[in-house]
């Protein structure tokens, strides 16, 4: 089974936020992410910048 890693772009660098992500949903003001070992985590004021399915990577970007 391949889980996804979620990164946030900050100052031109990618910071790992969550590993082993099993579910990601888009809300009105951000994204909700669940992992194998934790419950849902809300990441407010964010959008998905890119998804690389081959690398198992989601890159988020903060919104103002």
N, C-alpha and C. Protein backbone atom coordinates (compact mmCIF):
# COMPACT_ATOMS: atom_id res chain seq x y z
N UNK A 1 0.84 -1.17 0.00
CA UNK A 1 0.00 0.00 0.00
C UNK A 1 0.89 1.24 0.00
N UNK A 2 0.54 2.21 -0.83
CA UNK A 2 1.35 3.44 -0.93
C UNK A 2 0.58 4.60 -0.31
N UNK A 3 1.15 5.16 0.72
CA UNK A 3 0.57 6.35 1.31
C UNK A 3 1.27 7.58 0.74
N UNK A 4 0.63 8.69 0.94
CA UNK A 4 1.09 9.95 0.39
C UNK A 4 1.79 10.76 1.49
N UNK A 5 2.74 11.58 1.09
CA UNK A 5 3.36 12.56 1.98
C UNK A 5 2.84 13.93 1.57
N UNK A 6 2.56 14.76 2.56
CA UNK A 6 2.05 16.10 2.30
C UNK A 6 3.11 17.11 2.73
N UNK A 7 3.45 18.01 1.81
CA UNK A 7 4.46 19.04 2.04
C UNK A 7 3.82 20.41 1.91
N UNK A 8 4.39 21.40 2.61
CA UNK A 8 3.99 22.79 2.46
C UNK A 8 5.19 23.56 1.92
N UNK A 9 4.94 24.35 0.90
CA UNK A 9 6.02 25.19 0.37
C UNK A 9 6.14 26.44 1.24
N UNK A 10 7.34 26.67 1.80
CA UNK A 10 7.61 27.84 2.63
C UNK A 10 8.96 28.40 2.25
N UNK A 11 8.99 29.66 1.88
CA UNK A 11 10.23 30.35 1.53
C UNK A 11 11.00 29.60 0.44
N UNK A 12 10.28 29.07 -0.53
CA UNK A 12 10.91 28.37 -1.64
C UNK A 12 11.39 26.96 -1.33
N UNK A 13 11.11 26.48 -0.12
CA UNK A 13 11.51 25.13 0.28
C UNK A 13 10.28 24.30 0.61
N UNK A 14 10.41 22.99 0.50
CA UNK A 14 9.31 22.09 0.83
C UNK A 14 9.50 21.52 2.23
N UNK A 15 8.51 21.76 3.10
CA UNK A 15 8.57 21.26 4.48
C UNK A 15 7.56 20.12 4.62
N UNK A 16 8.03 18.96 5.08
CA UNK A 16 7.15 17.81 5.28
C UNK A 16 6.19 18.10 6.43
N UNK A 17 4.88 17.99 6.15
CA UNK A 17 3.87 18.20 7.18
C UNK A 17 3.37 16.88 7.75
N UNK A 18 3.01 15.95 6.87
CA UNK A 18 2.43 14.69 7.30
C UNK A 18 2.91 13.55 6.42
N UNK A 19 3.10 12.42 7.05
CA UNK A 19 3.53 11.21 6.36
C UNK A 19 2.42 10.17 6.48
N UNK A 20 2.39 9.18 5.62
CA UNK A 20 1.41 8.10 5.66
C UNK A 20 -0.03 8.61 5.58
N UNK A 21 -0.27 9.58 4.70
CA UNK A 21 -1.60 10.15 4.52
C UNK A 21 -2.47 9.16 3.76
N UNK A 22 -3.67 8.93 4.30
CA UNK A 22 -4.60 7.99 3.68
C UNK A 22 -5.83 8.67 3.09
N UNK A 23 -6.10 9.91 3.52
CA UNK A 23 -7.27 10.63 3.01
C UNK A 23 -6.99 12.13 3.03
N UNK A 24 -7.44 12.80 1.98
CA UNK A 24 -7.29 14.25 1.87
C UNK A 24 -8.59 14.79 1.29
N UNK A 25 -9.17 15.78 1.95
CA UNK A 25 -10.39 16.39 1.43
C UNK A 25 -10.24 17.91 1.46
N UNK A 26 -10.87 18.54 0.48
CA UNK A 26 -10.80 19.99 0.34
C UNK A 26 -12.02 20.60 1.00
N UNK A 27 -11.78 21.56 1.88
CA UNK A 27 -12.85 22.26 2.58
C UNK A 27 -12.94 23.69 2.04
N UNK A 28 -13.87 24.47 2.59
CA UNK A 28 -14.05 25.85 2.13
C UNK A 28 -12.83 26.72 2.36
N UNK A 29 -12.14 26.52 3.48
CA UNK A 29 -11.01 27.40 3.82
C UNK A 29 -9.71 26.65 4.03
N UNK A 30 -9.60 25.45 3.47
CA UNK A 30 -8.36 24.70 3.62
C UNK A 30 -8.53 23.24 3.24
N UNK A 31 -7.74 22.40 3.90
CA UNK A 31 -7.69 20.98 3.56
C UNK A 31 -7.71 20.18 4.86
N UNK A 32 -8.40 19.04 4.84
CA UNK A 32 -8.40 18.12 5.97
C UNK A 32 -7.67 16.86 5.55
N UNK A 33 -6.72 16.43 6.39
CA UNK A 33 -5.86 15.29 6.06
C UNK A 33 -5.93 14.27 7.19
N UNK A 34 -6.05 12.99 6.84
CA UNK A 34 -6.01 11.90 7.82
C UNK A 34 -4.82 11.01 7.49
N UNK A 35 -4.23 10.42 8.53
CA UNK A 35 -3.11 9.50 8.34
C UNK A 35 -3.46 8.15 8.95
N UNK A 36 -2.57 7.19 8.77
CA UNK A 36 -2.78 5.86 9.34
C UNK A 36 -2.85 5.90 10.86
N UNK A 37 -2.12 6.82 11.47
CA UNK A 37 -1.94 6.78 12.92
C UNK A 37 -2.59 7.93 13.67
N UNK A 38 -3.16 8.90 12.97
CA UNK A 38 -3.80 10.03 13.64
C UNK A 38 -5.16 10.30 13.03
N UNK A 39 -5.96 11.04 13.74
CA UNK A 39 -7.25 11.45 13.22
C UNK A 39 -7.09 12.60 12.25
N UNK A 40 -8.19 13.14 11.78
CA UNK A 40 -8.14 14.23 10.81
C UNK A 40 -7.43 15.47 11.36
N UNK A 41 -6.63 16.10 10.52
CA UNK A 41 -5.95 17.35 10.85
C UNK A 41 -6.38 18.39 9.83
N UNK A 42 -6.81 19.54 10.31
CA UNK A 42 -7.21 20.63 9.42
C UNK A 42 -6.02 21.54 9.15
N UNK A 43 -5.81 21.84 7.89
CA UNK A 43 -4.76 22.78 7.50
C UNK A 43 -5.49 23.95 6.84
N UNK A 44 -5.63 25.02 7.57
CA UNK A 44 -6.41 26.18 7.12
C UNK A 44 -5.63 27.03 6.12
N UNK A 45 -6.38 27.78 5.32
CA UNK A 45 -5.84 28.74 4.37
C UNK A 45 -4.75 28.13 3.48
N UNK A 46 -5.09 27.01 2.86
CA UNK A 46 -4.14 26.31 1.99
C UNK A 46 -4.85 25.83 0.74
N UNK A 47 -4.09 25.72 -0.32
CA UNK A 47 -4.57 25.12 -1.56
C UNK A 47 -3.55 24.08 -2.02
N UNK A 48 -4.01 23.16 -2.84
CA UNK A 48 -3.11 22.17 -3.41
C UNK A 48 -2.40 22.80 -4.60
N UNK A 49 -1.09 22.80 -4.55
CA UNK A 49 -0.29 23.35 -5.65
C UNK A 49 -0.02 22.28 -6.70
N UNK A 50 0.33 21.06 -6.24
CA UNK A 50 0.56 19.96 -7.19
C UNK A 50 0.43 18.62 -6.48
N UNK A 51 0.16 17.59 -7.29
CA UNK A 51 0.12 16.21 -6.80
C UNK A 51 0.98 15.38 -7.74
N UNK A 52 1.94 14.66 -7.18
CA UNK A 52 2.80 13.77 -7.96
C UNK A 52 2.47 12.34 -7.51
N UNK A 53 1.65 11.65 -8.28
CA UNK A 53 1.21 10.31 -7.90
C UNK A 53 2.35 9.31 -7.93
N UNK A 54 3.28 9.47 -8.84
CA UNK A 54 4.41 8.54 -8.92
C UNK A 54 5.31 8.66 -7.69
N UNK A 55 5.50 9.87 -7.20
CA UNK A 55 6.35 10.10 -6.03
C UNK A 55 5.57 10.01 -4.72
N UNK A 56 4.24 9.92 -4.80
CA UNK A 56 3.42 9.87 -3.58
C UNK A 56 3.50 11.17 -2.80
N UNK A 57 3.36 12.30 -3.50
CA UNK A 57 3.63 13.60 -2.89
C UNK A 57 2.55 14.62 -3.25
N UNK A 58 2.06 15.31 -2.22
CA UNK A 58 1.13 16.43 -2.41
C UNK A 58 1.84 17.68 -1.91
N UNK A 59 1.86 18.72 -2.73
CA UNK A 59 2.49 19.98 -2.35
C UNK A 59 1.40 21.02 -2.13
N UNK A 60 1.38 21.60 -0.92
CA UNK A 60 0.41 22.62 -0.57
C UNK A 60 1.05 24.00 -0.61
N UNK A 61 0.19 25.00 -0.76
CA UNK A 61 0.65 26.38 -0.76
C UNK A 61 -0.30 27.19 0.11
N UNK A 62 0.24 28.02 0.98
CA UNK A 62 -0.58 28.87 1.85
C UNK A 62 -1.24 29.97 1.03
N UNK A 63 -2.47 30.32 1.42
CA UNK A 63 -3.17 31.42 0.79
C UNK A 63 -3.27 32.56 1.79
N UNK A 64 -3.36 33.79 1.30
CA UNK A 64 -3.45 34.94 2.23
C UNK A 64 -4.78 34.98 2.97
